[in-house]
C-alpha atoms as a PDB file:
ATOM      1  CA  UNK A   1      -6.297 -82.528   3.131  1.00  0.00           C
ATOM      2  CA  UNK A   2      -7.828 -79.881   4.809  1.00  0.00           C
ATOM      3  CA  UNK A   3      -8.885 -77.777   1.600  1.00  0.00           C
ATOM      4  CA  UNK A   4     -10.952 -80.768  -0.561  1.00  0.00           C
ATOM      5  CA  UNK A   5     -12.484 -81.251   3.789  1.00  0.00           C
ATOM      6  CA  UNK A   6     -13.138 -77.183   3.707  1.00  0.00           C
ATOM      7  CA  UNK A   7     -14.171 -76.972   0.286  1.00  0.00           C
ATOM      8  CA  UNK A   8     -16.791 -79.747   1.421  1.00  0.00           C
ATOM      9  CA  UNK A   9     -18.204 -78.499   4.307  1.00  0.00           C
ATOM     10  CA  UNK A  10     -18.850 -74.866   2.325  1.00  0.00           C
ATOM     11  CA  UNK A  11     -20.924 -77.429  -0.690  1.00  0.00           C
ATOM     12  CA  UNK A  12     -22.482 -78.854   2.727  1.00  0.00           C
ATOM     13  CA  UNK A  13     -23.515 -75.177   4.304  1.00  0.00           C
ATOM     14  CA  UNK A  14     -25.708 -74.978   1.177  1.00  0.00           C
ATOM     15  CA  UNK A  15     -27.611 -78.508   2.129  1.00  0.00           C
ATOM     16  CA  UNK A  16     -30.382 -78.475   3.956  1.00  0.00           C
ATOM     17  CA  UNK A  17     -30.784 -81.772   4.287  1.00  0.00           C
ATOM     18  CA  UNK A  18     -26.929 -81.647   5.386  1.00  0.00           C
ATOM     19  CA  UNK A  19     -25.577 -83.636   8.948  1.00  0.00           C
ATOM     20  CA  UNK A  20     -22.624 -81.279   9.469  1.00  0.00           C
ATOM     21  CA  UNK A  21     -24.147 -77.349   8.412  1.00  0.00           C
ATOM     22  CA  UNK A  22     -21.637 -75.816   9.415  1.00  0.00           C
ATOM     23  CA  UNK A  23     -18.898 -73.112   7.842  1.00  0.00           C
ATOM     24  CA  UNK A  24     -15.568 -74.425   8.704  1.00  0.00           C
ATOM     25  CA  UNK A  25     -12.464 -72.607   6.651  1.00  0.00           C
ATOM     26  CA  UNK A  26      -8.460 -74.617   6.626  1.00  0.00           C
ATOM     27  CA  UNK A  27      -7.162 -72.354   9.542  1.00  0.00           C
ATOM     28  CA  UNK A  28     -10.656 -74.468  11.645  1.00  0.00           C
ATOM     29  CA  UNK A  29     -10.128 -78.014  10.610  1.00  0.00           C
ATOM     30  CA  UNK A  30      -5.933 -77.774  11.369  1.00  0.00           C
ATOM     31  CA  UNK A  31      -6.823 -76.447  14.875  1.00  0.00           C
ATOM     32  CA  UNK A  32      -9.706 -79.365  15.458  1.00  0.00           C
ATOM     33  CA  UNK A  33      -8.905 -82.036  17.573  1.00  0.00           C
ATOM     34  CA  UNK A  34      -6.323 -85.077  15.896  1.00  0.00           C
ATOM     35  CA  UNK A  35      -8.258 -87.672  15.427  1.00  0.00           C
ATOM     36  CA  UNK A  36      -5.764 -89.808  14.371  1.00  0.00           C
ATOM     37  CA  UNK A  37      -2.924 -88.340  12.635  1.00  0.00           C
ATOM     38  CA  UNK A  38      -3.072 -85.945   9.917  1.00  0.00           C
ATOM     39  CA  UNK A  39      -6.685 -86.592  10.669  1.00  0.00           C
ATOM     40  CA  UNK A  40      -8.788 -84.372  13.089  1.00  0.00           C
ATOM     41  CA  UNK A  41     -12.548 -84.472  13.750  1.00  0.00           C
ATOM     42  CA  UNK A  42     -14.244 -82.149  11.022  1.00  0.00           C
ATOM     43  CA  UNK A  43     -12.403 -84.330   8.289  1.00  0.00           C
ATOM     44  CA  UNK A  44     -14.077 -87.605   9.747  1.00  0.00           C
ATOM     45  CA  UNK A  45     -17.560 -87.623   8.572  1.00  0.00           C
ATOM     46  CA  UNK A  46     -20.520 -88.794  10.578  1.00  0.00           C
ATOM     47  CA  UNK A  47     -21.635 -92.845  10.624  1.00  0.00           C
ATOM     48  CA  UNK A  48     -24.604 -92.671   7.539  1.00  0.00           C
ATOM     49  CA  UNK A  49     -22.192 -91.255   5.664  1.00  0.00           C
ATOM     50  CA  UNK A  50     -20.465 -92.739   2.391  1.00  0.00           C
ATOM     51  CA  UNK A  51     -16.819 -93.127   2.364  1.00  0.00           C
ATOM     52  CA  UNK A  52     -14.241 -95.197  -0.081  1.00  0.00           C
ATOM     53  CA  UNK A  53     -10.108 -95.249  -0.049  1.00  0.00           C
ATOM     54  CA  UNK A  54      -7.810 -95.414  -2.946  1.00  0.00           C
ATOM     55  CA  UNK A  55      -4.470 -96.538  -1.433  1.00  0.00           C
ATOM     56  CA  UNK A  56      -1.462 -96.006  -3.688  1.00  0.00           C
ATOM     57  CA  UNK A  57       1.234 -97.025  -2.577  1.00  0.00           C
ATOM     58  CA  UNK A  58       4.621 -98.704  -4.538  1.00  0.00           C
ATOM     59  CA  UNK A  59       5.412-102.466  -5.079  1.00  0.00           C
ATOM     60  CA  UNK A  60       7.415-102.969  -2.393  1.00  0.00           C
ATOM     61  CA  UNK A  61       4.448-101.112  -0.223  1.00  0.00           C
ATOM     62  CA  UNK A  62       2.336-103.224  -1.513  1.00  0.00           C
ATOM     63  CA  UNK A  63       4.616-106.107  -0.279  1.00  0.00           C
ATOM     64  CA  UNK A  64       4.915-103.902   3.568  1.00  0.00           C
ATOM     65  CA  UNK A  65       1.153-103.868   3.972  1.00  0.00           C
ATOM     66  CA  UNK A  66       0.017-107.610   3.536  1.00  0.00           C
ATOM     67  CA  UNK A  67       3.349-108.519   5.918  1.00  0.00           C
ATOM     68  CA  UNK A  68       1.635-106.640   7.960  1.00  0.00           C
ATOM     69  CA  UNK A  69      -2.237-108.590   6.951  1.00  0.00           C
ATOM     70  CA  UNK A  70      -4.138-105.965   4.777  1.00  0.00           C
ATOM     71  CA  UNK A  71      -5.825-108.186   2.664  1.00  0.00           C
ATOM     72  CA  UNK A  72      -5.820-106.426  -0.738  1.00  0.00           C
ATOM     73  CA  UNK A  73      -9.387-107.567  -1.996  1.00  0.00           C
ATOM     74  CA  UNK A  74      -9.950-104.835  -5.528  1.00  0.00           C
ATOM     75  CA  UNK A  75      -6.943-105.675  -8.322  1.00  0.00           C
ATOM     76  CA  UNK A  76      -3.638-103.493  -8.894  1.00  0.00           C
ATOM     77  CA  UNK A  77      -3.770-100.652 -11.212  1.00  0.00           C
ATOM     78  CA  UNK A  78      -0.709 -98.997 -12.862  1.00  0.00           C
ATOM     79  CA  UNK A  79      -0.319 -95.522 -11.957  1.00  0.00           C
ATOM     80  CA  UNK A  80       0.791 -94.324 -15.757  1.00  0.00           C
ATOM     81  CA  UNK A  81      -0.199 -90.187 -14.864  1.00  0.00           C
ATOM     82  CA  UNK A  82      -1.530 -87.862 -12.346  1.00  0.00           C
ATOM     83  CA  UNK A  83      -3.053 -83.970 -12.424  1.00  0.00           C
ATOM     84  CA  UNK A  84      -3.222 -81.415  -9.704  1.00  0.00           C
ATOM     85  CA  UNK A  85      -5.518 -78.673 -10.931  1.00  0.00           C
ATOM     86  CA  UNK A  86      -6.071 -75.829  -8.344  1.00  0.00           C
ATOM     87  CA  UNK A  87      -8.598 -73.469  -9.822  1.00  0.00           C
END
């Protein structure tokens, strides 16, 4: 996650319209103030940023989420594969 955030900070640093134009390395992210594990302050978007979330869970995990009060609002999908590429 820190790698993704650091890459985003590089992109934002060169965007004159970005709200958080700071240089932030993976090391900076790891030692920053913890907000809610594993997220640190620089990982959290400013209020005007858009955000989305995808939760990957087993059927058992989804049942636990529903028991805890989560409302599943989008249709469930089955993940049939994944790929991780480091450039």
